[in-house]
Amino acid sequence: MGLKPLNDRVIVKRKEEEEKTAGGIYIPDSAKEKPQGGEVVAAGPECKTVKAGDSVLFAKYAGSEFSVDGDELIIMREDDILGVFA
């Protein structure tokens, strides 16, 4: 990817959406909610707590969505990240 985030911005790729419930019921596209978790693809030079490869949880309406080479990505401030999965 040729995009480098500036300052305290991070680029996150959302986790894949669940296709069916634990009980085996398939979820239609119209009923799916976008996951609030993902993997950090790149982090700006001023990011102190996250780095590329971290799995994170972020606010529901955080950041701006965009697409690069068919990948759906989100760019957001480091402050929009609620936690890092251990």
C-alpha atoms as a PDB file:
ATOM      1  CA  MET A   1       0.000   0.000   0.000  1.00  0.00           C
ATOM      2  CA  GLY A   2       1.361   3.409  -0.916  1.00  0.00           C
ATOM      3  CA  LEU A   3      -0.451   5.458   1.756  1.00  0.00           C
ATOM      4  CA  LYS A   4       1.451   6.526   4.885  1.00  0.00           C
ATOM      5  CA  PRO A   5      -0.607   8.015   7.747  1.00  0.00           C
ATOM      6  CA  LEU A   6       0.551  11.329   9.184  1.00  0.00           C
ATOM      7  CA  ASN A   7       0.884  12.453  12.815  1.00  0.00           C
ATOM      8  CA  ASP A   8      -1.278  10.345  15.164  1.00  0.00           C
ATOM      9  CA  ARG A   9      -3.409   8.724  12.443  1.00  0.00           C
ATOM     10  CA  VAL A  10      -3.690   4.961  11.954  1.00  0.00           C
ATOM     11  CA  ILE A  11      -4.994   2.869   9.060  1.00  0.00           C
ATOM     12  CA  VAL A  12      -7.133  -0.093  10.124  1.00  0.00           C
ATOM     13  CA  LYS A  13      -8.564  -3.009   8.139  1.00  0.00           C
ATOM     14  CA  ARG A  14     -11.865  -4.200   9.605  1.00  0.00           C
ATOM     15  CA  LYS A  15     -12.334  -7.806  10.683  1.00  0.00           C
ATOM     16  CA  GLU A  16     -14.403  -9.938   8.346  1.00  0.00           C
ATOM     17  CA  GLU A  17     -18.132  -9.802   9.017  1.00  0.00           C
ATOM     18  CA  GLU A  18     -19.818 -12.907  10.391  1.00  0.00           C
ATOM     19  CA  GLU A  19     -21.844 -14.760   7.766  1.00  0.00           C
ATOM     20  CA  LYS A  20     -23.925 -16.776  10.232  1.00  0.00           C
ATOM     21  CA  THR A  21     -24.763 -16.905  13.917  1.00  0.00           C
ATOM     22  CA  ALA A  22     -23.456 -19.476  16.407  1.00  0.00           C
ATOM     23  CA  GLY A  23     -26.781 -21.317  15.972  1.00  0.00           C
ATOM     24  CA  GLY A  24     -26.215 -21.660  12.213  1.00  0.00           C
ATOM     25  CA  ILE A  25     -28.620 -18.963  10.978  1.00  0.00           C
ATOM     26  CA  TYR A  26     -27.286 -17.010   7.983  1.00  0.00           C
ATOM     27  CA  ILE A  27     -27.327 -13.237   8.376  1.00  0.00           C
ATOM     28  CA  PRO A  28     -28.489 -11.250   5.306  1.00  0.00           C
ATOM     29  CA  ASP A  29     -26.352  -8.299   4.181  1.00  0.00           C
ATOM     30  CA  SER A  30     -29.092  -5.828   5.117  1.00  0.00           C
ATOM     31  CA  ALA A  31     -29.027  -6.975   8.766  1.00  0.00           C
ATOM     32  CA  LYS A  32     -25.260  -7.043   9.268  1.00  0.00           C
ATOM     33  CA  GLU A  33     -23.507  -4.454  11.388  1.00  0.00           C
ATOM     34  CA  LYS A  34     -19.963  -3.476  10.559  1.00  0.00           C
ATOM     35  CA  PRO A  35     -17.454  -4.907  13.023  1.00  0.00           C
ATOM     36  CA  GLN A  36     -15.809  -2.484  15.458  1.00  0.00           C
ATOM     37  CA  GLY A  37     -12.559  -4.395  15.482  1.00  0.00           C
ATOM     38  CA  GLY A  38      -9.701  -4.751  13.065  1.00  0.00           C
ATOM     39  CA  GLU A  39      -5.981  -4.896  12.450  1.00  0.00           C
ATOM     40  CA  VAL A  40      -3.702  -1.872  12.263  1.00  0.00           C
ATOM     41  CA  VAL A  41      -2.150  -1.784   8.793  1.00  0.00           C
ATOM     42  CA  ALA A  42      -0.018   1.337   9.334  1.00  0.00           C
ATOM     43  CA  ALA A  43       0.550   3.886  12.108  1.00  0.00           C
ATOM     44  CA  GLY A  44       1.778   7.472  11.905  1.00  0.00           C
ATOM     45  CA  PRO A  45       5.044   8.628  13.487  1.00  0.00           C
ATOM     46  CA  GLU A  46       3.343  10.198  16.533  1.00  0.00           C
ATOM     47  CA  CYS A  47       1.383   7.067  17.542  1.00  0.00           C
ATOM     48  CA  LYS A  48       2.505   5.964  20.990  1.00  0.00           C
ATOM     49  CA  THR A  49       0.312   2.971  21.859  1.00  0.00           C
ATOM     50  CA  VAL A  50      -0.399   1.080  18.618  1.00  0.00           C
ATOM     51  CA  LYS A  51       1.745  -0.280  15.818  1.00  0.00           C
ATOM     52  CA  ALA A  52       1.180  -2.189  12.583  1.00  0.00           C
ATOM     53  CA  GLY A  53      -0.157  -5.686  13.245  1.00  0.00           C
ATOM     54  CA  ASP A  54      -2.039  -4.852  16.485  1.00  0.00           C
ATOM     55  CA  SER A  55      -5.655  -6.036  16.797  1.00  0.00           C
ATOM     56  CA  VAL A  56      -7.768  -3.140  18.029  1.00  0.00           C
ATOM     57  CA  LEU A  57     -11.285  -2.177  19.051  1.00  0.00           C
ATOM     58  CA  PHE A  58     -12.477   1.226  17.851  1.00  0.00           C
ATOM     59  CA  ALA A  59     -15.482   3.528  18.201  1.00  0.00           C
ATOM     60  CA  LYS A  60     -18.497   2.671  16.033  1.00  0.00           C
ATOM     61  CA  TYR A  61     -18.421   5.829  13.906  1.00  0.00           C
ATOM     62  CA  ALA A  62     -14.657   6.416  14.034  1.00  0.00           C
ATOM     63  CA  GLY A  63     -12.595   7.581  11.105  1.00  0.00           C
ATOM     64  CA  SER A  64     -13.134   7.821   7.377  1.00  0.00           C
ATOM     65  CA  GLU A  65     -13.595   4.777   5.162  1.00  0.00           C
ATOM     66  CA  PHE A  66     -11.748   4.435   1.854  1.00  0.00           C
ATOM     67  CA  SER A  67     -10.676   1.730  -0.563  1.00  0.00           C
ATOM     68  CA  VAL A  68      -7.207   0.873  -1.883  1.00  0.00           C
ATOM     69  CA  ASP A  69      -6.588  -2.035  -4.281  1.00  0.00           C
ATOM     70  CA  GLY A  70      -9.991  -3.527  -3.386  1.00  0.00           C
ATOM     71  CA  ASP A  71      -9.335  -3.452   0.382  1.00  0.00           C
ATOM     72  CA  GLU A  72     -11.820  -1.538   2.540  1.00  0.00           C
ATOM     73  CA  LEU A  73      -9.793   0.487   5.072  1.00  0.00           C
ATOM     74  CA  ILE A  74     -10.422   3.149   7.720  1.00  0.00           C
ATOM     75  CA  ILE A  75      -8.139   6.018   8.656  1.00  0.00           C
ATOM     76  CA  MET A  76      -8.674   7.381  12.165  1.00  0.00           C
ATOM     77  CA  ARG A  77      -6.959   9.178  15.004  1.00  0.00           C
ATOM     78  CA  GLU A  78      -5.203   7.068  17.601  1.00  0.00           C
ATOM     79  CA  ASP A  79      -7.666   8.547  20.162  1.00  0.00           C
ATOM     80  CA  ASP A  80     -10.566   6.770  18.376  1.00  0.00           C
ATOM     81  CA  ILE A  81      -9.069   3.400  19.323  1.00  0.00           C
ATOM     82  CA  LEU A  82     -10.709   2.100  22.501  1.00  0.00           C
ATOM     83  CA  GLY A  83      -8.362  -0.782  23.237  1.00  0.00           C
ATOM     84  CA  VAL A  84      -5.751  -3.225  21.963  1.00  0.00           C
ATOM     85  CA  PHE A  85      -6.359  -6.977  22.152  1.00  0.00           C
ATOM     86  CA  ALA A  86      -3.624  -8.786  24.071  1.00  0.00           C
END
